[in-house]
C-alpha cells in the first residue's frame, strides 16, 4: 500500500492546518502538491513567473517543508511557480534554499526542469515528432522561434526518476496534474489504473469531497484499487463527489490521456466504505504504442491599453451592442488614418455577454452596463495612441447622427490604463519521445550539508 497526502489543490491556495496535521498523523509515504496550471491564462508562461506572491508562497512552502521533515517522507511539487517554466522552477528552488537555511535543515533537493529550447522544437517539428491536438493552432518554425517559453508536461516516469535520487524534496517544472501523485504508487507496483484514477481524483485536494475548501486529502493505493479519505473534520467523500471529478477539466468523463497511455474508468466501481471514505476499483490503464508529452507555449501578442466606461441611459443600454459596433467601426477608421494600422479594438459589454461573447445565447441586458475597451498593438505607444482616439467615442458617441450628444461615465481619469506586454498561448501539441527523460533535465543538490 502507498499513502499519498495532498495538502491542497495548489500551493498558494491555502489549506486547513488541522487537516494537514491529521494527514501527517496517518503516516503518508509521500506529500504531493500541485503548483499551478494554465487556468490563469498565458501571462505566467509567457513571462515565466508565478501568479502567487513570493511571501505567501514561502509561508505555505515553509509549513510543508516542516511537515515533510516531521513525516520523514519526500515532498513533491509539480508545475512549480504556476507555469512550470525553468525560471519559475528556479524561483521556488531559491525559496527552498532560503527556508532550509533559516530552519537549519539538511536535505537533498532534486530539480526537474521541463523547459524546451525553441531550436530543439524546430528540429523536432522537422522530424515529424510534433503532432497537433484538437483544437490546435497552426505552427511553424517562426511560431516556435517566437515563443518566450515552451514547456513539456512531465508524466510519472520523470517524477519517478527524481524520486529515485533519494531526494527529500522534488521541485518539478510543468507536469500533468496527476503525475506527482501517481508516480510513487506506480513505482511500487500498485494497480496502474487505480494509480492514475486516484491521482486524477486527488489532483485538486478536497475538491472531490463535500467540503472542497477543506484542502487536505489522503489517497491510499494498493494492488486492486484506491481509497479516498478527506482530512477535513467535516469533509466527506461520497460515491457521487468522487465519480463526478472525472468531469472536471476533462472532455471525456471516462477517458484521461497521460504520457504513455490513457486511463479508462468506464467500468470503475465506487463504494462508500463509511460516511467519510470511498473505495474505487475497476479502473484500467491502457498503454500507448507511442510515448508523447504535451507541449505548451506562449509568446508575445502585443501591448495592450484598456479603458472602462459605464452606461446607464436606458436607450443606450437597450441598444448597447449597436452602439459598440458603431464605435469600433468609426474609431478604427479614424485611428488607422491618424496613428497607425496594425492594432485591434475590442469592446466587451460587462453586464451583457463579456464572459462568453457571441457564444452567450442567454444574455439579458440590465439597467446599467460597463463597456471595457481593449486595444492591442505591436507597441505600447501605438496601443495608447489608439486608446486616446477611442476616448471621445466612449464618452460622447451618439446612437444616431441627428440627436443630442450624450455623456457617459469614466470611473477614473485618465481612463486609459496600460497593461504592458500581453501574451498568447500558441501550442496545443504533443511531442513524441524515444526516452521519457530526453526532453527533461534533472539535477540534485544537498542543502545544509
Protein backbone atom coordinates (compact mmCIF):
# COMPACT_ATOMS: atom_id res chain seq x y z
CA UNK A 1 0.00 0.00 0.00
CA UNK A 2 1.14 3.56 -0.76
CA UNK A 3 -0.34 6.57 1.00
CA UNK A 4 -0.20 9.93 -0.80
CA UNK A 5 -1.08 13.06 1.16
CA UNK A 6 -2.31 16.04 -0.88
CA UNK A 7 -2.37 19.24 1.26
CA UNK A 8 -4.46 21.30 -1.18
CA UNK A 9 -5.28 21.82 -4.83
CA UNK A 10 -2.28 24.11 -5.37
CA UNK A 11 0.49 25.77 -3.41
CA UNK A 12 -0.73 29.29 -2.68
CA UNK A 13 -4.41 28.45 -2.26
CA UNK A 14 -4.06 27.80 1.47
CA UNK A 15 -5.18 24.78 3.47
CA UNK A 16 -6.64 23.73 6.80
CA UNK A 17 -3.69 23.32 9.19
CA UNK A 18 -5.62 20.89 11.39
CA UNK A 19 -6.48 18.78 8.34
CA UNK A 20 -2.82 18.73 7.29
CA UNK A 21 -1.82 17.66 10.80
CA UNK A 22 -4.33 14.80 10.70
CA UNK A 23 -2.88 13.77 7.37
CA UNK A 24 0.66 13.69 8.74
CA UNK A 25 -0.55 11.55 11.65
CA UNK A 26 -1.71 8.95 9.08
CA UNK A 27 1.97 8.35 8.21
CA UNK A 28 1.89 9.02 4.45
CA UNK A 29 4.61 7.73 2.12
CA UNK A 30 4.83 10.99 0.20
CA UNK A 31 3.37 14.52 0.21
CA UNK A 32 2.38 15.82 -3.22
CA UNK A 33 1.04 19.22 -4.21
CA UNK A 34 0.41 20.98 -7.49
CA UNK A 35 2.00 24.36 -8.16
CA UNK A 36 -0.13 25.70 -10.97
CA UNK A 37 -1.71 25.23 -14.38
CA UNK A 38 -2.77 27.19 -17.46
CA UNK A 39 -6.03 28.21 -15.74
CA UNK A 40 -4.91 31.79 -15.17
CA UNK A 41 -4.01 32.49 -18.77
CA UNK A 42 -0.86 32.82 -20.89
CA UNK A 43 0.83 35.67 -19.00
CA UNK A 44 2.57 33.41 -16.49
CA UNK A 45 4.01 31.02 -19.07
CA UNK A 46 4.82 33.96 -21.33
CA UNK A 47 6.81 35.68 -18.59
CA UNK A 48 7.93 32.57 -16.71
CA UNK A 49 6.55 33.93 -13.44
CA UNK A 50 4.17 32.88 -10.65
CA UNK A 51 0.72 34.29 -10.05
CA UNK A 52 1.17 33.93 -6.29
CA UNK A 53 3.07 36.40 -4.12
CA UNK A 54 6.53 35.31 -3.03
CA UNK A 55 5.79 35.92 0.64
CA UNK A 56 2.60 33.88 0.59
CA UNK A 57 4.25 31.06 -1.34
CA UNK A 58 7.20 30.99 1.05
CA UNK A 59 4.94 30.85 4.11
CA UNK A 60 2.97 27.83 2.81
CA UNK A 61 6.04 26.07 1.43
CA UNK A 62 7.81 26.53 4.75
CA UNK A 63 4.97 24.77 6.56
CA UNK A 64 5.01 21.92 4.05
CA UNK A 65 8.77 21.55 4.37
CA UNK A 66 8.33 21.30 8.15
CA UNK A 67 5.52 18.75 7.70
CA UNK A 68 7.78 16.75 5.38
CA UNK A 69 10.54 16.76 7.98
CA UNK A 70 8.09 15.58 10.65
CA UNK A 71 6.78 12.77 8.43
CA UNK A 72 10.23 11.84 7.12
CA UNK A 73 8.94 11.38 3.56
CA UNK A 74 9.52 13.09 0.19
CA UNK A 75 7.71 16.33 -0.67
CA UNK A 76 6.95 16.77 -4.38
CA UNK A 77 5.56 19.76 -6.23
CA UNK A 78 4.66 19.81 -9.92
CA UNK A 79 4.23 22.79 -12.24
CA UNK A 80 6.25 24.93 -9.87
CA UNK A 81 5.65 28.67 -9.95
CA UNK A 82 2.24 28.44 -11.67
CA UNK A 83 3.59 27.82 -15.18
CA UNK A 84 6.42 25.32 -14.70
CA UNK A 85 8.87 27.31 -16.83
CA UNK A 86 12.54 26.95 -15.92
CA UNK A 87 12.65 30.43 -14.37
CA UNK A 88 9.65 29.60 -12.17
CA UNK A 89 11.34 26.39 -11.02
CA UNK A 90 14.47 28.38 -10.16
CA UNK A 91 12.30 30.84 -8.22
CA UNK A 92 10.84 28.12 -5.98
CA UNK A 93 14.21 26.39 -5.64
CA UNK A 94 15.69 29.64 -4.31
CA UNK A 95 12.82 29.96 -1.82
CA UNK A 96 13.52 26.37 -0.74
CA UNK A 97 17.19 27.15 -0.14
CA UNK A 98 16.23 30.19 1.92
CA UNK A 99 13.84 28.21 4.11
CA UNK A 100 16.31 25.36 4.57
CA UNK A 101 18.92 27.86 5.71
CA UNK A 102 16.55 29.65 8.07
CA UNK A 103 15.38 26.38 9.66
CA UNK A 104 18.81 24.73 9.69
CA UNK A 105 17.53 21.83 7.58
CA UNK A 106 19.79 19.29 5.91
CA UNK A 107 18.12 17.78 2.87
CA UNK A 108 18.53 16.62 -0.70
CA UNK A 109 16.79 18.70 -3.37
CA UNK A 110 16.01 17.34 -6.84
CA UNK A 111 15.07 19.83 -9.54
CA UNK A 112 13.28 18.54 -12.65
CA UNK A 113 13.01 21.06 -15.48
CA UNK A 114 10.50 20.90 -18.34
CA UNK A 115 11.56 23.88 -20.45
CA UNK A 116 12.22 23.31 -24.14
CA UNK A 117 14.59 25.24 -26.41
CA UNK A 118 12.83 26.67 -29.48
CA UNK A 119 15.61 25.41 -31.77
CA UNK A 120 15.18 21.88 -30.41
CA UNK A 121 11.44 22.08 -31.02
CA UNK A 122 12.05 23.35 -34.55
CA UNK A 123 14.22 20.28 -35.16
CA UNK A 124 11.52 18.02 -33.69
CA UNK A 125 8.91 19.63 -35.94
CA UNK A 126 11.08 18.96 -38.97
CA UNK A 127 11.47 15.32 -37.92
CA UNK A 128 7.70 14.87 -37.63
CA UNK A 129 7.82 14.37 -33.86
CA UNK A 130 5.33 17.15 -33.04
CA UNK A 131 1.64 16.47 -33.69
CA UNK A 132 -1.41 18.70 -33.09
CA UNK A 133 -4.11 18.02 -30.56
CA UNK A 134 -7.66 19.17 -31.24
CA UNK A 135 -8.13 22.06 -31.45
CA UNK A 136 -4.62 23.30 -32.16
CA UNK A 137 -3.34 26.41 -33.92
CA UNK A 138 -1.13 26.06 -36.96
CA UNK A 139 2.53 26.13 -36.04
CA UNK A 140 5.72 26.77 -37.96
CA UNK A 141 9.38 27.37 -37.31
CA UNK A 142 8.58 31.07 -36.89
CA UNK A 143 5.89 30.35 -34.28
CA UNK A 144 8.24 28.13 -32.28
CA UNK A 145 11.05 30.68 -32.51
CA UNK A 146 8.71 33.42 -31.24
CA UNK A 147 7.84 31.58 -28.01
CA UNK A 148 9.19 33.14 -24.85
CA UNK A 149 8.68 29.82 -23.05
CA UNK A 150 7.86 26.29 -24.17
CA UNK A 151 7.29 23.53 -21.63
CA UNK A 152 6.64 19.80 -21.91
CA UNK A 153 4.28 18.19 -19.40
CA UNK A 154 6.18 15.55 -17.46
CA UNK A 155 4.47 12.30 -16.54
CA UNK A 156 5.04 9.67 -13.87
CA UNK A 157 8.32 8.42 -15.36
CA UNK A 158 10.08 11.75 -14.93
CA UNK A 159 8.85 12.16 -11.35
CA UNK A 160 9.96 8.61 -10.61
CA UNK A 161 13.45 9.45 -11.88
CA UNK A 162 13.57 12.40 -9.48
CA UNK A 163 12.39 10.27 -6.54
CA UNK A 164 14.96 7.58 -7.36
CA UNK A 165 17.71 10.08 -6.48
CA UNK A 166 16.63 9.77 -2.86
CA UNK A 167 15.54 13.40 -2.81
CA UNK A 168 13.72 14.77 0.21
CA UNK A 169 12.14 17.49 -1.93
CA UNK A 170 11.38 17.38 -5.64
CA UNK A 171 10.63 20.64 -7.44
CA UNK A 172 9.32 19.86 -10.89
CA UNK A 173 8.59 22.10 -13.82
CA UNK A 174 5.43 21.60 -15.84
CA UNK A 175 3.84 18.23 -15.11
CA UNK A 176 0.44 16.72 -15.64
CA UNK A 177 -1.70 17.28 -12.56
CA UNK A 178 -1.75 13.55 -11.89
CA UNK A 179 1.93 12.69 -12.39
CA UNK A 180 3.16 13.78 -8.96
CA UNK A 181 0.51 11.62 -7.26
CA UNK A 182 0.66 8.52 -9.45
CA UNK A 183 4.46 8.25 -9.66
CA UNK A 184 5.20 6.51 -6.35
CA UNK A 185 2.23 4.08 -6.40
CA UNK A 186 3.22 3.04 -9.92
CA UNK A 187 6.87 2.64 -8.94
CA UNK A 188 5.88 0.38 -6.03
CA UNK A 189 3.66 -1.87 -8.11
CA UNK A 190 0.20 -0.63 -7.19
CA UNK A 191 -2.63 -1.14 -9.67
CA UNK A 192 -1.85 1.09 -12.66
CA UNK A 193 -5.44 2.05 -13.41
CA UNK A 194 -6.02 2.86 -9.76
CA UNK A 195 -2.81 4.89 -9.58
CA UNK A 196 -3.85 7.19 -12.41
CA UNK A 197 -7.51 7.33 -11.41
CA UNK A 198 -6.75 8.08 -7.76
CA UNK A 199 -4.30 10.74 -8.88
CA UNK A 200 -6.97 12.37 -11.01
CA UNK A 201 -9.42 12.37 -8.09
CA UNK A 202 -6.78 13.75 -5.74
CA UNK A 203 -5.27 16.39 -8.03
CA UNK A 204 -7.31 19.27 -6.57
CA UNK A 205 -7.17 18.24 -2.94
CA UNK A 206 -10.61 18.18 -1.34
CA UNK A 207 -12.46 19.34 -4.45
CA UNK A 208 -13.82 15.80 -4.84
CA UNK A 209 -15.44 15.91 -1.39
CA UNK A 210 -18.43 17.57 0.25
CA UNK A 211 -16.14 20.32 1.62
CA UNK A 212 -13.99 21.45 -1.34
CA UNK A 213 -12.30 24.24 0.61
CA UNK A 214 -11.05 21.94 3.38
CA UNK A 215 -7.96 21.19 1.29
CA UNK A 216 -6.20 18.08 2.52
CA UNK A 217 -6.98 14.51 1.49
CA UNK A 218 -5.26 11.14 1.76
CA UNK A 219 -5.30 8.67 -1.14
CA UNK A 220 -4.33 5.06 -0.35
CA UNK A 221 -3.27 2.92 -3.32
CA UNK A 222 -2.98 -0.85 -3.39
CA UNK A 223 -2.88 -3.80 -5.78
CA UNK A 224 -6.58 -3.58 -6.69
CA UNK A 225 -7.80 0.00 -6.26
CA UNK A 226 -7.60 3.14 -4.16
CA UNK A 227 -9.38 4.75 -1.21
CA UNK A 228 -10.07 8.46 -0.73
CA UNK A 229 -10.17 9.86 2.81
CA UNK A 230 -10.71 13.61 3.41
CA UNK A 231 -8.71 15.01 6.31
CA UNK A 232 -11.03 17.95 7.00
CA UNK A 233 -13.12 17.42 10.13
CA UNK A 234 -16.44 17.99 8.35
CA UNK A 235 -15.43 16.81 4.87
CA UNK A 236 -16.83 13.61 3.41
CA UNK A 237 -16.11 11.71 0.24
CA UNK A 238 -19.14 10.12 -1.41
CA UNK A 239 -19.52 7.96 -4.46
CA UNK A 240 -21.04 10.98 -6.19
CA UNK A 241 -18.32 13.50 -5.29
CA UNK A 242 -15.55 11.09 -6.26
CA UNK A 243 -17.02 9.84 -9.53
CA UNK A 244 -18.05 13.35 -10.60
CA UNK A 245 -14.47 14.59 -10.51
CA UNK A 246 -13.72 12.78 -13.76
CA UNK A 247 -15.83 15.51 -15.36
CA UNK A 248 -13.55 18.23 -14.01
CA UNK A 249 -11.38 19.80 -16.73
CA UNK A 250 -11.88 16.70 -18.84
CA UNK A 251 -13.73 16.47 -22.14
CA UNK A 252 -14.48 12.76 -21.69
CA UNK A 253 -15.69 11.58 -18.24
CA UNK A 254 -14.37 8.08 -18.86
CA UNK A 255 -11.02 8.67 -20.57
CA UNK A 256 -7.98 10.64 -19.40
CA UNK A 257 -4.87 10.88 -21.57
CA UNK A 258 -1.45 10.93 -19.95
CA UNK A 259 2.12 10.42 -21.20
CA UNK A 260 2.47 6.81 -22.27
CA UNK A 261 -1.20 5.86 -22.34
CA UNK A 262 -4.68 6.64 -21.12
CA UNK A 263 -6.93 5.93 -18.15
CA UNK A 264 -10.29 4.27 -18.77
CA UNK A 265 -12.80 4.41 -15.90
CA UNK A 266 -15.77 3.02 -17.85
CA UNK A 267 -16.02 0.01 -15.54
CA UNK A 268 -14.91 1.68 -12.30
CA UNK A 269 -16.93 0.85 -9.18
CA UNK A 270 -17.32 3.44 -6.41
CA UNK A 271 -18.12 2.07 -2.96
CA UNK A 272 -18.75 4.09 0.19
CA UNK A 273 -16.83 2.37 3.00
CA UNK A 274 -18.49 4.59 5.60
CA UNK A 275 -19.79 8.16 5.79
CA UNK A 276 -16.33 9.60 5.04
CA UNK A 277 -14.35 7.25 2.78
CA UNK A 278 -14.85 5.93 -0.75
CA UNK A 279 -13.07 3.00 -2.37
CA UNK A 280 -12.69 2.67 -6.14
CA UNK A 281 -11.84 -0.42 -8.18
CA UNK A 282 -12.15 -1.43 -11.82
CA UNK A 283 -10.15 1.43 -13.41
CA UNK A 284 -7.95 0.45 -16.36
CA UNK A 285 -4.66 1.82 -17.69
CA UNK A 286 -4.15 1.35 -21.44
CA UNK A 287 -0.56 1.59 -22.63
CA UNK A 288 0.05 3.53 -25.84
CA UNK A 289 2.38 2.40 -28.62
CA UNK A 290 3.95 5.90 -28.56
CA UNK A 291 5.29 7.91 -25.64
CA UNK A 292 4.21 11.51 -26.04
CA UNK A 293 4.22 14.55 -23.80
CA UNK A 294 2.02 17.59 -24.24
CA UNK A 295 3.65 20.87 -25.24
CA UNK A 296 2.53 24.31 -24.09
CA UNK A 297 3.99 27.52 -25.45
CA UNK A 298 3.33 31.22 -25.07
CA UNK A 299 4.56 34.22 -26.99
CA UNK A 300 4.21 37.98 -27.04
CA UNK A 301 0.89 39.01 -28.58
CA UNK A 302 1.49 42.76 -28.37
CA UNK A 303 0.92 45.58 -25.93
CA UNK A 304 -2.47 46.45 -24.54
CA UNK A 305 -4.24 49.52 -23.19
CA UNK A 306 -7.64 49.27 -21.52
CA UNK A 307 -10.41 51.77 -20.81
CA UNK A 308 -13.71 51.42 -19.00
CA UNK A 309 -16.89 53.44 -19.40
CA UNK A 310 -20.24 52.88 -17.68
CA UNK A 311 -23.54 53.38 -19.50
CA UNK A 312 -26.89 53.80 -17.71
CA UNK A 313 -29.13 55.67 -20.15
CA UNK A 314 -31.99 53.19 -20.86
CA UNK A 315 -31.99 53.83 -24.62
CA UNK A 316 -28.26 53.28 -24.93
CA UNK A 317 -28.33 50.23 -22.68
CA UNK A 318 -31.09 48.74 -24.83
CA UNK A 319 -29.01 49.33 -27.96
CA UNK A 320 -25.59 48.74 -26.45
CA UNK A 321 -24.37 46.24 -29.00
CA UNK A 322 -25.20 48.51 -31.94
CA UNK A 323 -23.55 51.44 -30.13
CA UNK A 324 -20.37 49.44 -29.52
CA UNK A 325 -20.22 48.13 -33.08
CA UNK A 326 -20.55 51.65 -34.46
CA UNK A 327 -17.81 52.93 -32.17
CA UNK A 328 -15.42 50.14 -33.18
CA UNK A 329 -16.03 50.87 -36.88
CA UNK A 330 -15.58 54.63 -36.63
CA UNK A 331 -12.75 54.69 -34.09
CA UNK A 332 -10.83 52.06 -36.05
CA UNK A 333 -11.19 54.04 -39.26
CA UNK A 334 -10.00 57.27 -37.60
CA UNK A 335 -7.11 55.64 -35.75
CA UNK A 336 -5.82 53.92 -38.89
CA UNK A 337 -5.85 57.23 -40.72
CA UNK A 338 -4.08 59.11 -37.93
CA UNK A 339 -1.83 56.91 -35.77
CA UNK A 340 -1.23 53.54 -37.43
CA UNK A 341 -2.85 50.48 -38.95
CA UNK A 342 -1.65 47.45 -37.01
CA UNK A 343 -3.95 47.25 -33.98
CA UNK A 344 -7.21 45.77 -32.72
CA UNK A 345 -10.03 47.40 -30.80
CA UNK A 346 -12.34 45.13 -28.82
CA UNK A 347 -15.29 46.28 -26.73
CA UNK A 348 -16.65 43.86 -24.14
CA UNK A 349 -20.02 44.64 -22.60
CA UNK A 350 -19.90 43.86 -18.89
CA UNK A 351 -23.40 43.01 -17.74
CA UNK A 352 -24.42 41.52 -21.07
CA UNK A 353 -22.04 38.99 -22.63
CA UNK A 354 -18.50 39.92 -21.58
CA UNK A 355 -17.74 36.40 -20.37
CA UNK A 356 -18.78 34.31 -23.38
CA UNK A 357 -19.26 36.89 -26.12
CA UNK A 358 -21.06 35.51 -29.17
CA UNK A 359 -21.36 32.09 -27.50
CA UNK A 360 -23.77 33.51 -24.91
CA UNK A 361 -27.30 32.75 -26.12
CA UNK A 362 -28.99 33.70 -22.83
CA UNK A 363 -27.58 37.20 -22.31
CA UNK A 364 -30.05 39.76 -21.00
CA UNK A 365 -29.35 43.46 -20.74
CA UNK A 366 -29.79 45.14 -17.34
CA UNK A 367 -30.26 48.75 -16.24
CA UNK A 368 -26.54 49.51 -16.44
CA UNK A 369 -23.60 48.08 -18.34
CA UNK A 370 -19.89 48.63 -18.38
CA UNK A 371 -18.04 48.75 -21.65
CA UNK A 372 -14.46 47.51 -21.41
CA UNK A 373 -12.21 48.56 -24.27
CA UNK A 374 -9.10 46.52 -25.07
CA UNK A 375 -6.67 47.93 -27.60
CA UNK A 376 -3.85 45.61 -28.66
CA UNK A 377 -0.97 46.71 -30.88
CA UNK A 378 2.66 45.77 -31.61
CA UNK A 379 3.96 48.67 -29.48
CA UNK A 380 2.81 50.23 -26.23
CA UNK A 381 2.89 53.71 -27.79
CA UNK A 382 0.55 52.72 -30.62
CA UNK A 383 -1.79 50.97 -28.20
CA UNK A 384 -2.07 54.13 -26.08
CA UNK A 385 -2.50 56.36 -29.11
CA UNK A 386 -5.38 54.27 -30.40
CA UNK A 387 -6.94 54.29 -26.92
CA UNK A 388 -6.84 58.07 -26.94
CA UNK A 389 -8.53 58.18 -30.33
CA UNK A 390 -11.20 55.90 -28.87
CA UNK A 391 -11.66 58.06 -25.75
CA UNK A 392 -14.18 60.63 -27.06
CA UNK A 393 -16.28 57.92 -28.68
CA UNK A 394 -16.71 56.13 -25.36
CA UNK A 395 -17.54 59.40 -23.64
CA UNK A 396 -19.86 61.10 -26.13
CA UNK A 397 -20.77 58.92 -29.13
CA UNK A 398 -24.50 59.20 -30.09
CA UNK A 399 -26.57 56.33 -31.38
CA UNK A 400 -27.63 58.39 -34.41
CA UNK A 401 -26.21 61.45 -36.14
CA UNK A 402 -29.28 63.65 -35.60
CA UNK A 403 -29.56 63.55 -31.80
CA UNK A 404 -28.02 65.49 -28.96
CA UNK A 405 -24.57 64.42 -27.85
CA UNK A 406 -24.72 62.11 -24.81
CA UNK A 407 -22.21 61.89 -21.98
CA UNK A 408 -21.27 58.67 -20.27
CA UNK A 409 -19.12 57.98 -17.21
CA UNK A 410 -15.44 57.15 -16.95
CA UNK A 411 -14.87 55.76 -13.43
CA UNK A 412 -11.35 57.24 -13.36
CA UNK A 413 -9.24 59.86 -15.09
CA UNK A 414 -7.34 59.36 -17.27
CA UNK A 415 -9.37 56.37 -18.42
CA UNK A 416 -6.53 54.75 -20.34
CA UNK A 417 -4.53 52.16 -18.39
CA UNK A 418 -1.54 50.38 -19.88
CA UNK A 419 -1.37 46.64 -19.34
CA UNK A 420 2.05 46.46 -20.93
CA UNK A 421 3.04 43.29 -22.76
CA UNK A 422 0.35 40.65 -23.24
CA UNK A 423 0.88 37.05 -24.22
CA UNK A 424 -0.99 34.31 -26.05
CA UNK A 425 -0.90 30.54 -25.99
CA UNK A 426 0.32 29.20 -29.33
CA UNK A 427 0.83 25.45 -28.81
CA UNK A 428 -1.57 22.61 -28.14
CA UNK A 429 0.54 19.78 -29.45
CA UNK A 430 2.31 16.60 -28.35
CA UNK A 431 5.98 15.73 -28.67
CA UNK A 432 6.97 12.11 -29.32
CA UNK A 433 9.91 10.89 -27.25
CA UNK A 434 12.13 7.85 -27.66
CA UNK A 435 13.14 8.12 -24.00
CA UNK A 436 10.84 9.72 -21.39
CA UNK A 437 13.76 11.76 -19.99
CA UNK A 438 15.12 13.12 -23.27
CA UNK A 439 13.10 16.35 -23.06
CA UNK A 440 13.75 16.92 -19.35
CA UNK A 441 16.73 17.75 -17.14
CA UNK A 442 17.30 16.53 -13.60
CA UNK A 443 19.79 17.94 -11.10
CA UNK A 444 20.35 17.14 -7.43
CA UNK A 445 21.94 19.23 -4.68
CA UNK A 446 22.50 18.82 -0.97
CA UNK A 447 21.25 21.69 1.20
CA UNK A 448 22.71 22.39 4.63
CA UNK A 449 25.48 19.82 4.21
